[in-house]
Amino acid sequence: ALDAPHAAVRLVDFYRREGFQLVDVMR
């Protein structure tokens, strides 16, 4: 597991392309 700014769309998309799934959003 890891975290990244939810609004950093390009970074989050990179992780999702690598097979990571969004499981939560929190501050």
PDB file of all heavy atoms in Angstrom:
ATOM      1  N   ALA A   1       0.837  -1.205   0.000  1.00  0.00           N
ATOM      2  CA  ALA A   1       0.000   0.000   0.000  1.00  0.00           C
ATOM      3  C   ALA A   1       0.868   1.249   0.000  1.00  0.00           C
ATOM      4  O   ALA A   1       2.003   1.252   0.493  1.00  0.00           O
ATOM      5  CB  ALA A   1      -0.932   0.008   1.210  1.00  0.00           C
ATOM      6  N   LEU A   2       0.323   2.321  -0.551  1.00  0.00           N
ATOM      7  CA  LEU A   2       0.991   3.621  -0.555  1.00  0.00           C
ATOM      8  C   LEU A   2      -0.075   4.701  -0.652  1.00  0.00           C
ATOM      9  O   LEU A   2      -1.246   4.405  -0.848  1.00  0.00           O
ATOM     10  CB  LEU A   2       1.982   3.715  -1.723  1.00  0.00           C
ATOM     11  CG  LEU A   2       1.509   3.340  -3.134  1.00  0.00           C
ATOM     12  CD1 LEU A   2       0.748   4.487  -3.797  1.00  0.00           C
ATOM     13  CD2 LEU A   2       2.683   2.950  -4.012  1.00  0.00           C
ATOM     14  N   ASP A   3       0.351   5.952  -0.518  1.00  0.00           N
ATOM     15  CA  ASP A   3      -0.599   7.042  -0.660  1.00  0.00           C
ATOM     16  C   ASP A   3      -0.020   8.120  -1.554  1.00  0.00           C
ATOM     17  O   ASP A   3       1.202   8.222  -1.729  1.00  0.00           O
ATOM     18  CB  ASP A   3      -0.974   7.626   0.706  1.00  0.00           C
ATOM     19  CG  ASP A   3       0.177   8.354   1.375  1.00  0.00           C
ATOM     20  OD1 ASP A   3       0.963   7.692   2.091  1.00  0.00           O
ATOM     21  OD2 ASP A   3       0.302   9.575   1.183  1.00  0.00           O
ATOM     22  N   ALA A   4      -0.912   8.930  -2.125  1.00  0.00           N
ATOM     23  CA  ALA A   4      -0.542  10.033  -3.005  1.00  0.00           C
ATOM     24  C   ALA A   4      -1.651  11.064  -2.945  1.00  0.00           C
ATOM     25  O   ALA A   4      -2.805  10.723  -2.626  1.00  0.00           O
ATOM     26  CB  ALA A   4      -0.351   9.539  -4.441  1.00  0.00           C
ATOM     27  N   PRO A   5      -1.364  12.328  -3.226  1.00  0.00           N
ATOM     28  CA  PRO A   5      -2.435  13.321  -3.253  1.00  0.00           C
ATOM     29  C   PRO A   5      -3.541  12.893  -4.213  1.00  0.00           C
ATOM     30  O   PRO A   5      -3.281  12.598  -5.377  1.00  0.00           O
ATOM     31  CB  PRO A   5      -1.729  14.592  -3.736  1.00  0.00           C
ATOM     32  CG  PRO A   5      -0.304  14.411  -3.312  1.00  0.00           C
ATOM     33  CD  PRO A   5      -0.034  12.949  -3.492  1.00  0.00           C
ATOM     34  N   HIS A   6      -4.756  12.842  -3.715  1.00  0.00           N
ATOM     35  CA  HIS A   6      -5.864  12.354  -4.536  1.00  0.00           C
ATOM     36  C   HIS A   6      -6.079  13.215  -5.769  1.00  0.00           C
ATOM     37  O   HIS A   6      -6.488  12.721  -6.828  1.00  0.00           O
ATOM     38  CB  HIS A   6      -7.140  12.311  -3.683  1.00  0.00           C
ATOM     39  CG  HIS A   6      -8.295  11.658  -4.365  1.00  0.00           C
ATOM     40  ND1 HIS A   6      -9.489  12.316  -4.610  1.00  0.00           N
ATOM     41  CD2 HIS A   6      -8.445  10.400  -4.874  1.00  0.00           C
ATOM     42  CE1 HIS A   6     -10.314  11.487  -5.240  1.00  0.00           C
ATOM     43  NE2 HIS A   6      -9.710  10.331  -5.401  1.00  0.00           N
ATOM     44  N   ALA A   7      -5.785  14.497  -5.650  1.00  0.00           N
ATOM     45  CA  ALA A   7      -5.982  15.413  -6.775  1.00  0.00           C
ATOM     46  C   ALA A   7      -4.812  15.412  -7.758  1.00  0.00           C
ATOM     47  O   ALA A   7      -4.892  16.063  -8.806  1.00  0.00           O
ATOM     48  CB  ALA A   7      -6.220  16.833  -6.260  1.00  0.00           C
ATOM     49  N   ALA A   8      -3.726  14.703  -7.431  1.00  0.00           N
ATOM     50  CA  ALA A   8      -2.597  14.575  -8.359  1.00  0.00           C
ATOM     51  C   ALA A   8      -2.944  13.460  -9.347  1.00  0.00           C
ATOM     52  O   ALA A   8      -2.455  12.328  -9.255  1.00  0.00           O
ATOM     53  CB  ALA A   8      -1.310  14.270  -7.605  1.00  0.00           C
ATOM     54  N   VAL A   9      -3.792  13.787 -10.296  1.00  0.00           N
ATOM     55  CA  VAL A   9      -4.419  12.781 -11.162  1.00  0.00           C
ATOM     56  C   VAL A   9      -3.385  11.962 -11.931  1.00  0.00           C
ATOM     57  O   VAL A   9      -3.500  10.738 -12.029  1.00  0.00           O
ATOM     58  CB  VAL A   9      -5.395  13.470 -12.147  1.00  0.00           C
ATOM     59  CG1 VAL A   9      -6.006  12.440 -13.092  1.00  0.00           C
ATOM     60  CG2 VAL A   9      -6.485  14.194 -11.380  1.00  0.00           C
ATOM     61  N   ARG A  10      -2.370  12.626 -12.471  1.00  0.00           N
ATOM     62  CA  ARG A  10      -1.389  11.902 -13.279  1.00  0.00           C
ATOM     63  C   ARG A  10      -0.627  10.875 -12.443  1.00  0.00           C
ATOM     64  O   ARG A  10      -0.373   9.751 -12.888  1.00  0.00           O
ATOM     65  CB  ARG A  10      -0.412  12.898 -13.905  1.00  0.00           C
ATOM     66  CG  ARG A  10       0.575  12.286 -14.896  1.00  0.00           C
ATOM     67  CD  ARG A  10       1.279  13.371 -15.691  1.00  0.00           C
ATOM     68  NE  ARG A  10       2.244  12.822 -16.629  1.00  0.00           N
ATOM     69  CZ  ARG A  10       3.551  12.760 -16.403  1.00  0.00           C
ATOM     70  NH1 ARG A  10       4.036  13.228 -15.262  1.00  0.00           N
ATOM     71  NH2 ARG A  10       4.365  12.242 -17.295  1.00  0.00           N
ATOM     72  N   LEU A  11      -0.269  11.244 -11.207  1.00  0.00           N
ATOM     73  CA  LEU A  11       0.449  10.329 -10.330  1.00  0.00           C
ATOM     74  C   LEU A  11      -0.440   9.161  -9.920  1.00  0.00           C
ATOM     75  O   LEU A  11      -0.014   7.990  -9.952  1.00  0.00           O
ATOM     76  CB  LEU A  11       0.956  11.080  -9.104  1.00  0.00           C
ATOM     77  CG  LEU A  11       1.739  10.269  -8.072  1.00  0.00           C
ATOM     78  CD1 LEU A  11       2.975   9.635  -8.696  1.00  0.00           C
ATOM     79  CD2 LEU A  11       2.124  11.153  -6.886  1.00  0.00           C
ATOM     80  N   VAL A  12      -1.666   9.449  -9.521  1.00  0.00           N
ATOM     81  CA  VAL A  12      -2.586   8.385  -9.124  1.00  0.00           C
ATOM     82  C   VAL A  12      -2.866   7.447 -10.298  1.00  0.00           C
ATOM     83  O   VAL A  12      -2.902   6.217 -10.134  1.00  0.00           O
ATOM     84  CB  VAL A  12      -3.902   8.979  -8.574  1.00  0.00           C
ATOM     85  CG1 VAL A  12      -4.939   7.878  -8.328  1.00  0.00           C
ATOM     86  CG2 VAL A  12      -3.642   9.750  -7.286  1.00  0.00           C
ATOM     87  N   ASP A  13      -3.021   8.002 -11.489  1.00  0.00           N
ATOM     88  CA  ASP A  13      -3.246   7.167 -12.675  1.00  0.00           C
ATOM     89  C   ASP A  13      -2.054   6.252 -12.944  1.00  0.00           C
ATOM     90  O   ASP A  13      -2.232   5.105 -13.379  1.00  0.00           O
ATOM     91  CB  ASP A  13      -3.513   8.043 -13.897  1.00  0.00           C
ATOM     92  CG  ASP A  13      -4.917   8.626 -13.903  1.00  0.00           C
ATOM     93  OD1 ASP A  13      -5.749   8.184 -13.088  1.00  0.00           O
ATOM     94  OD2 ASP A  13      -5.183   9.523 -14.730  1.00  0.00           O
ATOM     95  N   PHE A  14      -0.853   6.756 -12.712  1.00  0.00           N
ATOM     96  CA  PHE A  14       0.341   5.921 -12.882  1.00  0.00           C
ATOM     97  C   PHE A  14       0.277   4.700 -11.972  1.00  0.00           C
ATOM     98  O   PHE A  14       0.497   3.561 -12.409  1.00  0.00           O
ATOM     99  CB  PHE A  14       1.597   6.739 -12.592  1.00  0.00           C
ATOM    100  CG  PHE A  14       2.844   5.909 -12.417  1.00  0.00           C
ATOM    101  CD1 PHE A  14       3.372   5.191 -13.476  1.00  0.00           C
ATOM    102  CD2 PHE A  14       3.484   5.851 -11.189  1.00  0.00           C
ATOM    103  CE1 PHE A  14       4.516   4.418 -13.315  1.00  0.00           C
ATOM    104  CE2 PHE A  14       4.625   5.090 -11.013  1.00  0.00           C
ATOM    105  CZ  PHE A  14       5.145   4.368 -12.077  1.00  0.00           C
ATOM    106  N   TYR A  15      -0.035   4.906 -10.700  1.00  0.00           N
ATOM    107  CA  TYR A  15      -0.127   3.777  -9.765  1.00  0.00           C
ATOM    108  C   TYR A  15      -1.249   2.818 -10.160  1.00  0.00           C
ATOM    109  O   TYR A  15      -1.085   1.593 -10.057  1.00  0.00           O
ATOM    110  CB  TYR A  15      -0.349   4.285  -8.341  1.00  0.00           C
ATOM    111  CG  TYR A  15       0.861   4.967  -7.741  1.00  0.00           C
ATOM    112  CD1 TYR A  15       0.766   6.219  -7.139  1.00  0.00           C
ATOM    113  CD2 TYR A  15       2.112   4.357  -7.769  1.00  0.00           C
ATOM    114  CE1 TYR A  15       1.874   6.842  -6.588  1.00  0.00           C
ATOM    115  CE2 TYR A  15       3.226   4.967  -7.221  1.00  0.00           C
ATOM    116  CZ  TYR A  15       3.103   6.211  -6.632  1.00  0.00           C
ATOM    117  OH  TYR A  15       4.200   6.829  -6.095  1.00  0.00           O
ATOM    118  N   ARG A  16      -2.353   3.357 -10.627  1.00  0.00           N
ATOM    119  CA  ARG A  16      -3.461   2.479 -11.024  1.00  0.00           C
ATOM    120  C   ARG A  16      -3.094   1.661 -12.253  1.00  0.00           C
ATOM    121  O   ARG A  16      -3.496   0.495 -12.376  1.00  0.00           O
ATOM    122  CB  ARG A  16      -4.725   3.302 -11.254  1.00  0.00           C
ATOM    123  CG  ARG A  16      -5.203   4.001  -9.983  1.00  0.00           C
ATOM    124  CD  ARG A  16      -6.497   4.756 -10.159  1.00  0.00           C
ATOM    125  NE  ARG A  16      -7.635   3.836 -10.143  1.00  0.00           N
ATOM    126  CZ  ARG A  16      -8.890   4.219  -9.959  1.00  0.00           C
ATOM    127  NH1 ARG A  16      -9.166   5.503  -9.786  1.00  0.00           N
ATOM    128  NH2 ARG A  16      -9.863   3.342  -9.952  1.00  0.00           N
ATOM    129  N   ARG A  17      -2.333   2.239 -13.162  1.00  0.00           N
ATOM    130  CA  ARG A  17      -1.873   1.457 -14.320  1.00  0.00           C
ATOM    131  C   ARG A  17      -0.934   0.338 -13.896  1.00  0.00           C
ATOM    132  O   ARG A  17      -0.821  -0.681 -14.589  1.00  0.00           O
ATOM    133  CB  ARG A  17      -1.171   2.366 -15.334  1.00  0.00           C
ATOM    134  CG  ARG A  17      -2.101   3.280 -16.112  1.00  0.00           C
ATOM    135  CD  ARG A  17      -1.401   3.839 -17.339  1.00  0.00           C
ATOM    136  NE  ARG A  17      -0.185   4.569 -16.999  1.00  0.00           N
ATOM    137  CZ  ARG A  17      -0.147   5.854 -16.713  1.00  0.00           C
ATOM    138  NH1 ARG A  17      -1.264   6.572 -16.687  1.00  0.00           N
ATOM    139  NH2 ARG A  17       0.995   6.453 -16.428  1.00  0.00           N
ATOM    140  N   GLU A  18      -0.268   0.506 -12.766  1.00  0.00           N
ATOM    141  CA  GLU A  18       0.620  -0.526 -12.247  1.00  0.00           C
ATOM    142  C   GLU A  18      -0.117  -1.556 -11.398  1.00  0.00           C
ATOM    143  O   GLU A  18       0.515  -2.401 -10.760  1.00  0.00           O
ATOM    144  CB  GLU A  18       1.747   0.121 -11.431  1.00  0.00           C
ATOM    145  CG  GLU A  18       2.684   0.985 -12.258  1.00  0.00           C
ATOM    146  CD  GLU A  18       3.284   0.220 -13.422  1.00  0.00           C
ATOM    147  OE1 GLU A  18       3.885  -0.845 -13.174  1.00  0.00           O
ATOM    148  OE2 GLU A  18       3.149   0.678 -14.585  1.00  0.00           O
ATOM    149  N   GLY A  19      -1.435  -1.483 -11.381  1.00  0.00           N
ATOM    150  CA  GLY A  19      -2.230  -2.494 -10.705  1.00  0.00           C
ATOM    151  C   GLY A  19      -2.724  -2.143  -9.319  1.00  0.00           C
ATOM    152  O   GLY A  19      -3.392  -2.963  -8.669  1.00  0.00           O
ATOM    153  N   PHE A  20      -2.420  -0.941  -8.837  1.00  0.00           N
ATOM    154  CA  PHE A  20      -2.900  -0.523  -7.523  1.00  0.00           C
ATOM    155  C   PHE A  20      -4.362  -0.081  -7.627  1.00  0.00           C
ATOM    156  O   PHE A  20      -4.766   0.536  -8.614  1.00  0.00           O
ATOM    157  CB  PHE A  20      -2.046   0.622  -6.977  1.00  0.00           C
ATOM    158  CG  PHE A  20      -0.684   0.196  -6.508  1.00  0.00           C
ATOM    159  CD1 PHE A  20       0.361   0.028  -7.409  1.00  0.00           C
ATOM    160  CD2 PHE A  20      -0.446  -0.050  -5.161  1.00  0.00           C
ATOM    161  CE1 PHE A  20       1.615  -0.370  -6.983  1.00  0.00           C
ATOM    162  CE2 PHE A  20       0.806  -0.450  -4.725  1.00  0.00           C
ATOM    163  CZ  PHE A  20       1.850  -0.614  -5.641  1.00  0.00           C
ATOM    164  N   GLN A  21      -5.121  -0.393  -6.594  1.00  0.00           N
ATOM    165  CA  GLN A  21      -6.536  -0.029  -6.559  1.00  0.00           C
ATOM    166  C   GLN A  21      -6.779   0.997  -5.455  1.00  0.00           C
ATOM    167  O   GLN A  21      -6.195   0.914  -4.367  1.00  0.00           O
ATOM    168  CB  GLN A  21      -7.398  -1.271  -6.304  1.00  0.00           C
ATOM    169  CG  GLN A  21      -7.333  -2.293  -7.415  1.00  0.00           C
ATOM    170  CD  GLN A  21      -8.260  -3.476  -7.171  1.00  0.00           C
ATOM    171  OE1 GLN A  21      -8.709  -3.715  -6.046  1.00  0.00           O
ATOM    172  NE2 GLN A  21      -8.550  -4.226  -8.216  1.00  0.00           N
ATOM    173  N   LEU A  22      -7.638   1.947  -5.746  1.00  0.00           N
ATOM    174  CA  LEU A  22      -8.014   2.952  -4.755  1.00  0.00           C
ATOM    175  C   LEU A  22      -8.923   2.300  -3.721  1.00  0.00           C
ATOM    176  O   LEU A  22      -9.996   1.797  -4.054  1.00  0.00           O
ATOM    177  CB  LEU A  22      -8.733   4.110  -5.444  1.00  0.00           C
ATOM    178  CG  LEU A  22      -9.189   5.259  -4.547  1.00  0.00           C
ATOM    179  CD1 LEU A  22      -7.990   5.989  -3.956  1.00  0.00           C
ATOM    180  CD2 LEU A  22     -10.067   6.225  -5.340  1.00  0.00           C
ATOM    181  N   VAL A  23      -8.485   2.301  -2.460  1.00  0.00           N
ATOM    182  CA  VAL A  23      -9.267   1.654  -1.408  1.00  0.00           C
ATOM    183  C   VAL A  23      -9.809   2.645  -0.382  1.00  0.00           C
ATOM    184  O   VAL A  23     -10.703   2.306   0.395  1.00  0.00           O
ATOM    185  CB  VAL A  23      -8.429   0.573  -0.681  1.00  0.00           C
ATOM    186  CG1 VAL A  23      -8.053  -0.545  -1.643  1.00  0.00           C
ATOM    187  CG2 VAL A  23      -7.180   1.175  -0.034  1.00  0.00           C
ATOM    188  N   ASP A  24      -9.287   3.865  -0.392  1.00  0.00           N
ATOM    189  CA  ASP A  24      -9.776   4.842   0.579  1.00  0.00           C
ATOM    190  C   ASP A  24      -9.261   6.223   0.184  1.00  0.00           C
ATOM    191  O   ASP A  24      -8.304   6.356  -0.583  1.00  0.00           O
ATOM    192  CB  ASP A  24      -9.283   4.499   1.992  1.00  0.00           C
ATOM    193  CG  ASP A  24     -10.095   5.169   3.090  1.00  0.00           C
ATOM    194  OD1 ASP A  24     -11.051   5.907   2.761  1.00  0.00           O
ATOM    195  OD2 ASP A  24      -9.779   4.953   4.275  1.00  0.00           O
ATOM    196  N   VAL A  25      -9.928   7.247   0.685  1.00  0.00           N
ATOM    197  CA  VAL A  25      -9.477   8.632   0.558  1.00  0.00           C
ATOM    198  C   VAL A  25      -9.584   9.258   1.941  1.00  0.00           C
ATOM    199  O   VAL A  25     -10.638   9.186   2.578  1.00  0.00           O
ATOM    200  CB  VAL A  25     -10.327   9.436  -0.460  1.00  0.00           C
ATOM    201  CG1 VAL A  25      -9.867  10.889  -0.496  1.00  0.00           C
ATOM    202  CG2 VAL A  25     -10.235   8.811  -1.845  1.00  0.00           C
ATOM    203  N   MET A  26      -8.485   9.831   2.433  1.00  0.00           N
ATOM    204  CA  MET A  26      -8.485  10.384   3.775  1.00  0.00           C
ATOM    205  C   MET A  26      -7.467  11.510   3.863  1.00  0.00           C
ATOM    206  O   MET A  26      -6.595  11.643   2.996  1.00  0.00           O
ATOM    207  CB  MET A  26      -8.165   9.302   4.807  1.00  0.00           C
ATOM    208  CG  MET A  26      -6.781   8.670   4.665  1.00  0.00           C
ATOM    209  SD  MET A  26      -6.484   7.405   5.914  1.00  0.00           S
ATOM    210  CE  MET A  26      -6.672   8.343   7.411  1.00  0.00           C
ATOM    211  N   ARG A  27      -7.590  12.302   4.907  1.00  0.00           N
ATOM    212  CA  ARG A  27      -6.640  13.393   5.121  1.00  0.00           C
ATOM    213  C   ARG A  27      -5.798  13.089   6.354  1.00  0.00           C
ATOM    214  O   ARG A  27      -6.329  12.890   7.457  1.00  0.00           O
ATOM    215  CB  ARG A  27      -7.356  14.729   5.284  1.00  0.00           C
ATOM    216  CG  ARG A  27      -6.402  15.904   5.491  1.00  0.00           C
ATOM    217  CD  ARG A  27      -7.056  17.251   5.238  1.00  0.00           C
ATOM    218  NE  ARG A  27      -7.500  17.385   3.857  1.00  0.00           N
ATOM    219  CZ  ARG A  27      -7.755  18.558   3.287  1.00  0.00           C
ATOM    220  NH1 ARG A  27      -7.589  19.678   3.954  1.00  0.00           N
ATOM    221  NH2 ARG A  27      -8.182  18.603   2.034  1.00  0.00           N
TER     222      ARG A  27
END
